[in-house]
Amino acid sequence: MPIYEYICEDCQTEFEKIVINREQEIACPKCAGKKNKIQLSVFATANGNGGSSKGPSFSGGGGGCCGGGCGCH
C-alpha cells in the first residue's frame, strides 16, 4: 500500500495518507477539507549532487540502477 503526501488547499496542512484505492476520498486531518493536492515524495525529488543521503549506503562501484548519482553507492 503506497503512502502519499498531501497538502490541504484550505488550511495548508501537510500530511501523509496510506491509500488503498486511488478513488478514495482524502480528507485533511486538521480541517476535514476535501481539496488536497498530492505532493512529490522526498524520494522522487532527491538531488544527485553527491550531498549527504539519509538512505542506505551500499559499497561497490558501477552505476547500478541509477547511474551512481543518487548517493546510494
Protein backbone atom coordinates (compact mmCIF):
# COMPACT_ATOMS: atom_id res chain seq x y z
CA MET A 1 0.00 0.00 0.00
CA PRO A 2 1.58 3.30 -1.04
CA ILE A 3 1.84 6.29 1.26
CA TYR A 4 1.07 9.59 -0.45
CA GLU A 5 1.95 13.08 0.76
CA TYR A 6 -0.71 15.78 0.50
CA ILE A 7 -1.18 19.48 1.24
CA CYS A 8 -4.61 20.81 2.10
CA GLU A 9 -5.57 23.71 -0.16
CA ASP A 10 -7.86 25.14 2.54
CA CYS A 11 -5.54 25.29 5.61
CA GLN A 12 -2.12 24.45 4.05
CA THR A 13 -1.60 21.46 6.38
CA GLU A 14 0.85 18.87 5.05
CA PHE A 15 0.03 15.24 5.82
CA GLU A 16 0.60 11.67 4.69
CA LYS A 17 -2.05 9.07 3.97
CA ILE A 18 -1.93 5.35 3.19
CA VAL A 19 -4.03 4.91 0.07
CA ILE A 20 -5.65 1.56 -0.60
CA ASN A 21 -7.68 2.77 -3.56
CA ARG A 22 -6.80 5.86 -5.64
CA GLU A 23 -10.55 6.55 -5.92
CA GLN A 24 -10.99 7.00 -2.15
CA GLU A 25 -11.75 10.50 -0.90
CA ILE A 26 -8.93 12.05 1.14
CA ALA A 27 -9.80 14.44 3.98
CA CYS A 28 -7.42 16.80 5.76
CA PRO A 29 -6.81 15.63 9.35
CA LYS A 30 -6.87 19.23 10.64
CA CYS A 31 -9.86 20.85 8.93
CA ALA A 32 -11.52 17.87 7.16
CA GLY A 33 -11.15 19.73 3.86
CA LYS A 34 -11.54 17.68 0.70
CA LYS A 35 -9.40 19.90 -1.58
CA ASN A 36 -5.99 18.26 -1.22
CA LYS A 37 -3.09 18.37 -3.64
CA ILE A 38 -0.77 15.38 -3.89
CA GLN A 39 2.90 16.26 -3.42
CA LEU A 40 6.04 14.70 -4.83
CA SER A 41 7.70 12.47 -2.26
CA VAL A 42 11.15 13.20 -0.88
CA PHE A 43 12.44 10.14 -2.72
CA ALA A 44 11.17 11.45 -6.05
CA THR A 45 12.83 14.84 -5.61
CA ALA A 46 16.17 13.80 -4.07
CA ASN A 47 19.05 15.59 -5.77
CA GLY A 48 22.05 13.78 -7.16
CA ASN A 49 24.75 16.34 -6.35
CA GLY A 50 26.71 13.98 -4.08
CA GLY A 51 25.43 15.54 -0.88
CA SER A 52 24.53 13.59 2.19
CA SER A 53 21.86 10.97 1.93
CA LYS A 54 19.66 9.51 4.66
CA GLY A 55 19.15 6.36 2.64
CA PRO A 56 21.22 3.20 2.89
CA SER A 57 24.81 3.28 1.77
CA PHE A 58 25.98 0.41 -0.39
CA SER A 59 29.59 -0.25 -1.20
CA GLY A 60 30.67 -1.20 -4.66
CA GLY A 61 31.28 0.52 -7.92
CA GLY A 62 29.43 0.95 -11.12
CA GLY A 63 26.32 2.87 -11.97
CA GLY A 64 23.84 0.31 -10.76
CA CYS A 65 20.21 1.09 -11.33
CA CYS A 66 20.53 4.86 -11.08
CA GLY A 67 23.90 5.76 -12.56
CA GLY A 68 25.54 6.38 -9.19
CA GLY A 69 24.35 9.98 -8.79
CA CYS A 70 21.77 9.42 -6.09
CA GLY A 71 24.12 8.77 -3.17
CA CYS A 72 23.20 5.09 -2.78
CA HIS A 73 26.72 3.99 -3.74
